[in-house]
Amino acid sequence: MEQYLIDTNVVSDYLSASFPTAGITLMDTAINAIPNISIITQIELLCWNTDEATTQSVKDFITDSVVMDISPDVILIV
């Protein structure tokens, strides 16, 4: 199964349901395969000023994700 390094904007758009159906389907697939995010994405998501329900969704998303430290491997993925 393919793995993706998911960017902050992609997570925020997904959690805001801003994607078309095909985008939601792709994200569902990526999330079901255990999402990968960088530590920078984690920091940015935790700084997102939003409502309580979305804040909890963000925290749940981060908990379910593999958070990758900044390393040459992460840099090469991008």
PDB file of N, CA and C in Angstrom:
ATOM      1  N   MET A   1       0.840  -1.179   0.000  1.00  0.00           N
ATOM      2  CA  MET A   1       0.000   0.000   0.000  1.00  0.00           C
ATOM      3  C   MET A   1       0.887   1.245   0.000  1.00  0.00           C
ATOM      4  N   GLU A   2       0.513   2.230  -0.809  1.00  0.00           N
ATOM      5  CA  GLU A   2       1.286   3.457  -0.876  1.00  0.00           C
ATOM      6  C   GLU A   2       1.164   4.240   0.423  1.00  0.00           C
ATOM      7  N   GLN A   3       2.229   4.983   0.733  1.00  0.00           N
ATOM      8  CA  GLN A   3       2.206   5.869   1.888  1.00  0.00           C
ATOM      9  C   GLN A   3       2.442   7.291   1.419  1.00  0.00           C
ATOM     10  N   TYR A   4       1.881   8.231   2.156  1.00  0.00           N
ATOM     11  CA  TYR A   4       1.977   9.640   1.793  1.00  0.00           C
ATOM     12  C   TYR A   4       2.469  10.449   2.970  1.00  0.00           C
ATOM     13  N   LEU A   5       3.252  11.478   2.694  1.00  0.00           N
ATOM     14  CA  LEU A   5       3.606  12.480   3.693  1.00  0.00           C
ATOM     15  C   LEU A   5       2.614  13.617   3.479  1.00  0.00           C
ATOM     16  N   ILE A   6       1.716  13.799   4.436  1.00  0.00           N
ATOM     17  CA  ILE A   6       0.589  14.708   4.262  1.00  0.00           C
ATOM     18  C   ILE A   6       0.919  16.087   4.802  1.00  0.00           C
ATOM     19  N   ASP A   7       0.669  17.093   3.990  1.00  0.00           N
ATOM     20  CA  ASP A   7       0.954  18.486   4.302  1.00  0.00           C
ATOM     21  C   ASP A   7      -0.159  19.106   5.154  1.00  0.00           C
ATOM     22  N   THR A   8       0.183  20.160   5.875  1.00  0.00           N
ATOM     23  CA  THR A   8      -0.765  20.866   6.735  1.00  0.00           C
ATOM     24  C   THR A   8      -2.017  21.311   5.998  1.00  0.00           C
ATOM     25  N   ASN A   9      -1.853  21.929   4.838  1.00  0.00           N
ATOM     26  CA  ASN A   9      -3.009  22.427   4.093  1.00  0.00           C
ATOM     27  C   ASN A   9      -3.939  21.297   3.662  1.00  0.00           C
ATOM     28  N   VAL A  10      -3.366  20.161   3.350  1.00  0.00           N
ATOM     29  CA  VAL A  10      -4.181  19.017   2.949  1.00  0.00           C
ATOM     30  C   VAL A  10      -5.019  18.542   4.144  1.00  0.00           C
ATOM     31  N   VAL A  11      -4.403  18.464   5.310  1.00  0.00           N
ATOM     32  CA  VAL A  11      -5.137  18.036   6.506  1.00  0.00           C
ATOM     33  C   VAL A  11      -6.248  19.024   6.834  1.00  0.00           C
ATOM     34  N   SER A  12      -5.935  20.313   6.812  1.00  0.00           N
ATOM     35  CA  SER A  12      -6.959  21.316   7.160  1.00  0.00           C
ATOM     36  C   SER A  12      -8.101  21.316   6.150  1.00  0.00           C
ATOM     37  N   ASP A  13      -7.786  21.175   4.865  1.00  0.00           N
ATOM     38  CA  ASP A  13      -8.848  21.107   3.853  1.00  0.00           C
ATOM     39  C   ASP A  13      -9.691  19.838   4.023  1.00  0.00           C
ATOM     40  N   TYR A  14      -9.033  18.734   4.338  1.00  0.00           N
ATOM     41  CA  TYR A  14      -9.755  17.471   4.549  1.00  0.00           C
ATOM     42  C   TYR A  14     -10.695  17.583   5.749  1.00  0.00           C
ATOM     43  N   LEU A  15     -10.170  18.085   6.863  1.00  0.00           N
ATOM     44  CA  LEU A  15     -10.990  18.191   8.069  1.00  0.00           C
ATOM     45  C   LEU A  15     -12.095  19.236   7.928  1.00  0.00           C
ATOM     46  N   SER A  16     -11.910  20.182   7.014  1.00  0.00           N
ATOM     47  CA  SER A  16     -12.939  21.192   6.738  1.00  0.00           C
ATOM     48  C   SER A  16     -13.894  20.747   5.639  1.00  0.00           C
ATOM     49  N   ALA A  17     -13.677  19.549   5.109  1.00  0.00           N
ATOM     50  CA  ALA A  17     -14.490  19.004   4.011  1.00  0.00           C
ATOM     51  C   ALA A  17     -14.497  19.931   2.799  1.00  0.00           C
ATOM     52  N   SER A  18     -13.304  20.456   2.475  1.00  0.00           N
ATOM     53  CA  SER A  18     -13.164  21.386   1.350  1.00  0.00           C
ATOM     54  C   SER A  18     -12.780  20.699   0.045  1.00  0.00           C
ATOM     55  N   PHE A  19     -12.568  19.398   0.088  1.00  0.00           N
ATOM     56  CA  PHE A  19     -12.161  18.665  -1.101  1.00  0.00           C
ATOM     57  C   PHE A  19     -13.373  18.181  -1.897  1.00  0.00           C
ATOM     58  N   PRO A  20     -13.187  18.008  -3.208  1.00  0.00           N
ATOM     59  CA  PRO A  20     -14.225  17.312  -3.977  1.00  0.00           C
ATOM     60  C   PRO A  20     -14.239  15.834  -3.561  1.00  0.00           C
ATOM     61  N   THR A  21     -15.222  15.105  -4.002  1.00  0.00           N
ATOM     62  CA  THR A  21     -15.393  13.705  -3.614  1.00  0.00           C
ATOM     63  C   THR A  21     -14.140  12.871  -3.872  1.00  0.00           C
ATOM     64  N   ALA A  22     -13.502  13.059  -5.012  1.00  0.00           N
ATOM     65  CA  ALA A  22     -12.298  12.285  -5.337  1.00  0.00           C
ATOM     66  C   ALA A  22     -11.175  12.571  -4.339  1.00  0.00           C
ATOM     67  N   GLY A  23     -11.061  13.812  -3.910  1.00  0.00           N
ATOM     68  CA  GLY A  23     -10.044  14.181  -2.921  1.00  0.00           C
ATOM     69  C   GLY A  23     -10.322  13.558  -1.570  1.00  0.00           C
ATOM     70  N   ILE A  24     -11.574  13.557  -1.174  1.00  0.00           N
ATOM     71  CA  ILE A  24     -11.962  12.933   0.091  1.00  0.00           C
ATOM     72  C   ILE A  24     -11.656  11.432   0.048  1.00  0.00           C
ATOM     73  N   THR A  25     -11.952  10.795  -1.067  1.00  0.00           N
ATOM     74  CA  THR A  25     -11.691   9.362  -1.229  1.00  0.00           C
ATOM     75  C   THR A  25     -10.196   9.066  -1.117  1.00  0.00           C
ATOM     76  N   LEU A  26      -9.365   9.875  -1.788  1.00  0.00           N
ATOM     77  CA  LEU A  26      -7.917   9.686  -1.713  1.00  0.00           C
ATOM     78  C   LEU A  26      -7.434   9.865  -0.280  1.00  0.00           C
ATOM     79  N   MET A  27      -7.913  10.895   0.397  1.00  0.00           N
ATOM     80  CA  MET A  27      -7.500  11.131   1.774  1.00  0.00           C
ATOM     81  C   MET A  27      -7.977  10.012   2.699  1.00  0.00           C
ATOM     82  N   ASP A  28      -9.181   9.516   2.491  1.00  0.00           N
ATOM     83  CA  ASP A  28      -9.656   8.386   3.292  1.00  0.00           C
ATOM     84  C   ASP A  28      -8.705   7.200   3.159  1.00  0.00           C
ATOM     85  N   THR A  29      -8.259   6.947   1.938  1.00  0.00           N
ATOM     86  CA  THR A  29      -7.323   5.856   1.680  1.00  0.00           C
ATOM     87  C   THR A  29      -5.997   6.095   2.396  1.00  0.00           C
ATOM     88  N   ALA A  30      -5.476   7.316   2.306  1.00  0.00           N
ATOM     89  CA  ALA A  30      -4.197   7.650   2.952  1.00  0.00           C
ATOM     90  C   ALA A  30      -4.315   7.547   4.470  1.00  0.00           C
ATOM     91  N   ILE A  31      -5.420   7.995   5.000  1.00  0.00           N
ATOM     92  CA  ILE A  31      -5.610   7.971   6.450  1.00  0.00           C
ATOM     93  C   ILE A  31      -5.809   6.547   6.951  1.00  0.00           C
ATOM     94  N   ASN A  32      -6.524   5.740   6.210  1.00  0.00           N
ATOM     95  CA  ASN A  32      -6.717   4.341   6.607  1.00  0.00           C
ATOM     96  C   ASN A  32      -5.411   3.559   6.583  1.00  0.00           C
ATOM     97  N   ALA A  33      -4.430   4.036   5.820  1.00  0.00           N
ATOM     98  CA  ALA A  33      -3.127   3.388   5.729  1.00  0.00           C
ATOM     99  C   ALA A  33      -2.148   3.964   6.760  1.00  0.00           C
ATOM    100  N   ILE A  34      -2.623   4.650   7.756  1.00  0.00           N
ATOM    101  CA  ILE A  34      -1.859   5.354   8.781  1.00  0.00           C
ATOM    102  C   ILE A  34      -1.121   6.539   8.154  1.00  0.00           C
ATOM    103  N   PRO A  35      -1.652   7.732   8.393  1.00  0.00           N
ATOM    104  CA  PRO A  35      -1.071   8.931   7.777  1.00  0.00           C
ATOM    105  C   PRO A  35       0.302   9.266   8.345  1.00  0.00           C
ATOM    106  N   ASN A  36       1.137   9.830   7.494  1.00  0.00           N
ATOM    107  CA  ASN A  36       2.455  10.314   7.886  1.00  0.00           C
ATOM    108  C   ASN A  36       2.456  11.832   7.784  1.00  0.00           C
ATOM    109  N   ILE A  37       2.882  12.487   8.859  1.00  0.00           N
ATOM    110  CA  ILE A  37       3.023  13.937   8.836  1.00  0.00           C
ATOM    111  C   ILE A  37       4.388  14.292   9.414  1.00  0.00           C
ATOM    112  N   SER A  38       4.889  15.462   9.071  1.00  0.00           N
ATOM    113  CA  SER A  38       6.153  15.911   9.645  1.00  0.00           C
ATOM    114  C   SER A  38       5.877  16.611  10.970  1.00  0.00           C
ATOM    115  N   ILE A  39       6.901  16.771  11.757  1.00  0.00           N
ATOM    116  CA  ILE A  39       6.774  17.491  13.020  1.00  0.00           C
ATOM    117  C   ILE A  39       6.325  18.930  12.767  1.00  0.00           C
ATOM    118  N   ILE A  40       6.723  19.509  11.639  1.00  0.00           N
ATOM    119  CA  ILE A  40       6.298  20.871  11.280  1.00  0.00           C
ATOM    120  C   ILE A  40       4.792  20.895  11.060  1.00  0.00           C
ATOM    121  N   THR A  41       4.256  19.903  10.365  1.00  0.00           N
ATOM    122  CA  THR A  41       2.807  19.820  10.158  1.00  0.00           C
ATOM    123  C   THR A  41       2.091  19.682  11.496  1.00  0.00           C
ATOM    124  N   GLN A  42       2.631  18.873  12.383  1.00  0.00           N
ATOM    125  CA  GLN A  42       2.025  18.720  13.701  1.00  0.00           C
ATOM    126  C   GLN A  42       1.955  20.072  14.414  1.00  0.00           C
ATOM    127  N   ILE A  43       3.040  20.812  14.414  1.00  0.00           N
ATOM    128  CA  ILE A  43       3.077  22.125  15.068  1.00  0.00           C
ATOM    129  C   ILE A  43       2.055  23.063  14.432  1.00  0.00           C
ATOM    130  N   GLU A  44       2.039  23.104  13.104  1.00  0.00           N
ATOM    131  CA  GLU A  44       1.100  24.000  12.413  1.00  0.00           C
ATOM    132  C   GLU A  44      -0.349  23.637  12.710  1.00  0.00           C
ATOM    133  N   LEU A  45      -0.657  22.347  12.730  1.00  0.00           N
ATOM    134  CA  LEU A  45      -2.030  21.927  13.008  1.00  0.00           C
ATOM    135  C   LEU A  45      -2.445  22.293  14.432  1.00  0.00           C
ATOM    136  N   LEU A  46      -1.533  22.146  15.381  1.00  0.00           N
ATOM    137  CA  LEU A  46      -1.861  22.472  16.764  1.00  0.00           C
ATOM    138  C   LEU A  46      -2.020  23.977  16.994  1.00  0.00           C
ATOM    139  N   CYS A  47      -1.516  24.776  16.071  1.00  0.00           N
ATOM    140  CA  CYS A  47      -1.668  26.239  16.156  1.00  0.00           C
ATOM    141  C   CYS A  47      -2.923  26.730  15.445  1.00  0.00           C
ATOM    142  N   TRP A  48      -3.647  25.835  14.792  1.00  0.00           N
ATOM    143  CA  TRP A  48      -4.832  26.192  14.021  1.00  0.00           C
ATOM    144  C   TRP A  48      -5.911  26.691  14.966  1.00  0.00           C
ATOM    145  N   ASN A  49      -6.324  27.928  14.793  1.00  0.00           N
ATOM    146  CA  ASN A  49      -7.357  28.541  15.622  1.00  0.00           C
ATOM    147  C   ASN A  49      -8.717  28.225  15.015  1.00  0.00           C
ATOM    148  N   THR A  50      -9.380  27.240  15.595  1.00  0.00           N
ATOM    149  CA  THR A  50     -10.650  26.770  15.047  1.00  0.00           C
ATOM    150  C   THR A  50     -11.593  26.389  16.181  1.00  0.00           C
ATOM    151  N   ASP A  51     -12.751  25.860  15.838  1.00  0.00           N
ATOM    152  CA  ASP A  51     -13.728  25.498  16.862  1.00  0.00           C
ATOM    153  C   ASP A  51     -13.284  24.249  17.632  1.00  0.00           C
ATOM    154  N   GLU A  52     -13.974  23.981  18.750  1.00  0.00           N
ATOM    155  CA  GLU A  52     -13.621  22.872  19.629  1.00  0.00           C
ATOM    156  C   GLU A  52     -13.674  21.507  18.946  1.00  0.00           C
ATOM    157  N   ALA A  53     -14.701  21.287  18.163  1.00  0.00           N
ATOM    158  CA  ALA A  53     -14.854  19.988  17.491  1.00  0.00           C
ATOM    159  C   ALA A  53     -13.717  19.743  16.503  1.00  0.00           C
ATOM    160  N   THR A  54     -13.351  20.768  15.736  1.00  0.00           N
ATOM    161  CA  THR A  54     -12.253  20.618  14.773  1.00  0.00           C
ATOM    162  C   THR A  54     -10.924  20.454  15.497  1.00  0.00           C
ATOM    163  N   THR A  55     -10.746  21.183  16.592  1.00  0.00           N
ATOM    164  CA  THR A  55      -9.524  21.037  17.389  1.00  0.00           C
ATOM    165  C   THR A  55      -9.380  19.597  17.867  1.00  0.00           C
ATOM    166  N   GLN A  56     -10.482  18.992  18.316  1.00  0.00           N
ATOM    167  CA  GLN A  56     -10.426  17.595  18.749  1.00  0.00           C
ATOM    168  C   GLN A  56     -10.135  16.673  17.569  1.00  0.00           C
ATOM    169  N   SER A  57     -10.719  16.963  16.400  1.00  0.00           N
ATOM    170  CA  SER A  57     -10.431  16.159  15.196  1.00  0.00           C
ATOM    171  C   SER A  57      -8.957  16.243  14.834  1.00  0.00           C
ATOM    172  N   VAL A  58      -8.366  17.431  14.964  1.00  0.00           N
ATOM    173  CA  VAL A  58      -6.939  17.623  14.686  1.00  0.00           C
ATOM    174  C   VAL A  58      -6.114  16.778  15.656  1.00  0.00           C
ATOM    175  N   LYS A  59      -6.434  16.843  16.931  1.00  0.00           N
ATOM    176  CA  LYS A  59      -5.690  16.062  17.928  1.00  0.00           C
ATOM    177  C   LYS A  59      -5.826  14.563  17.656  1.00  0.00           C
ATOM    178  N   ASP A  60      -7.016  14.124  17.299  1.00  0.00           N
ATOM    179  CA  ASP A  60      -7.226  12.712  16.970  1.00  0.00           C
ATOM    180  C   ASP A  60      -6.419  12.314  15.737  1.00  0.00           C
ATOM    181  N   PHE A  61      -6.426  13.194  14.726  1.00  0.00           N
ATOM    182  CA  PHE A  61      -5.666  12.928  13.504  1.00  0.00           C
ATOM    183  C   PHE A  61      -4.181  12.771  13.831  1.00  0.00           C
ATOM    184  N   ILE A  62      -3.645  13.676  14.654  1.00  0.00           N
ATOM    185  CA  ILE A  62      -2.225  13.613  15.019  1.00  0.00           C
ATOM    186  C   ILE A  62      -1.930  12.327  15.787  1.00  0.00           C
ATOM    187  N   THR A  63      -2.815  11.960  16.709  1.00  0.00           N
ATOM    188  CA  THR A  63      -2.633  10.733  17.488  1.00  0.00           C
ATOM    189  C   THR A  63      -2.579   9.501  16.585  1.00  0.00           C
ATOM    190  N   ASP A  64      -3.370   9.502  15.529  1.00  0.00           N
ATOM    191  CA  ASP A  64      -3.424   8.371  14.600  1.00  0.00           C
ATOM    192  C   ASP A  64      -2.322   8.392  13.545  1.00  0.00           C
ATOM    193  N   SER A  65      -1.517   9.457  13.537  1.00  0.00           N
ATOM    194  CA  SER A  65      -0.488   9.637  12.514  1.00  0.00           C
ATOM    195  C   SER A  65       0.886   9.211  13.008  1.00  0.00           C
ATOM    196  N   VAL A  66       1.745   8.911  12.049  1.00  0.00           N
ATOM    197  CA  VAL A  66       3.163   8.762  12.326  1.00  0.00           C
ATOM    198  C   VAL A  66       3.752  10.156  12.133  1.00  0.00           C
ATOM    199  N   VAL A  67       4.334  10.705  13.200  1.00  0.00           N
ATOM    200  CA  VAL A  67       4.934  12.041  13.124  1.00  0.00           C
ATOM    201  C   VAL A  67       6.429  11.867  12.903  1.00  0.00           C
ATOM    202  N   MET A  68       6.892  12.370  11.764  1.00  0.00           N
ATOM    203  CA  MET A  68       8.286  12.193  11.375  1.00  0.00           C
ATOM    204  C   MET A  68       9.090  13.433  11.756  1.00  0.00           C
ATOM    205  N   ASP A  69      10.227  13.183  12.415  1.00  0.00           N
ATOM    206  CA  ASP A  69      11.133  14.277  12.742  1.00  0.00           C
ATOM    207  C   ASP A  69      11.763  14.814  11.464  1.00  0.00           C
ATOM    208  N   ILE A  70      12.318  15.990  11.573  1.00  0.00           N
ATOM    209  CA  ILE A  70      13.038  16.552  10.430  1.00  0.00           C
ATOM    210  C   ILE A  70      14.335  15.759  10.269  1.00  0.00           C
ATOM    211  N   SER A  71      14.491  15.185   9.107  1.00  0.00           N
ATOM    212  CA  SER A  71      15.669  14.382   8.800  1.00  0.00           C
ATOM    213  C   SER A  71      15.872  14.408   7.294  1.00  0.00           C
ATOM    214  N   PRO A  72      17.030  13.975   6.855  1.00  0.00           N
ATOM    215  CA  PRO A  72      17.227  13.915   5.391  1.00  0.00           C
ATOM    216  C   PRO A  72      16.166  13.069   4.698  1.00  0.00           C
ATOM    217  N   ASP A  73      15.670  12.004   5.357  1.00  0.00           N
ATOM    218  CA  ASP A  73      14.643  11.158   4.748  1.00  0.00           C
ATOM    219  C   ASP A  73      13.354  11.943   4.493  1.00  0.00           C
ATOM    220  N   VAL A  74      12.946  12.756   5.471  1.00  0.00           N
ATOM    221  CA  VAL A  74      11.731  13.575   5.289  1.00  0.00           C
ATOM    222  C   VAL A  74      11.959  14.599   4.198  1.00  0.00           C
ATOM    223  N   ILE A  75      13.098  15.212   4.177  1.00  0.00           N
ATOM    224  CA  ILE A  75      13.401  16.227   3.168  1.00  0.00           C
ATOM    225  C   ILE A  75      13.356  15.611   1.776  1.00  0.00           C
ATOM    226  N   LEU A  76      13.867  14.404   1.611  1.00  0.00           N
ATOM    227  CA  LEU A  76      13.886  13.753   0.300  1.00  0.00           C
ATOM    228  C   LEU A  76      12.505  13.337  -0.158  1.00  0.00           C
ATOM    229  N   ILE A  77      11.581  13.062   0.776  1.00  0.00           N
ATOM    230  CA  ILE A  77      10.217  12.673   0.418  1.00  0.00           C
ATOM    231  C   ILE A  77       9.510  13.833  -0.247  1.00  0.00           C
ATOM    232  N   VAL A  78       9.760  15.021   0.234  1.00  0.00           N
ATOM    233  CA  VAL A  78       9.087  16.206  -0.293  1.00  0.00           C
ATOM    234  C   VAL A  78       9.671  16.488  -1.603  1.00  0.00           C
TER     235      VAL A  78
END
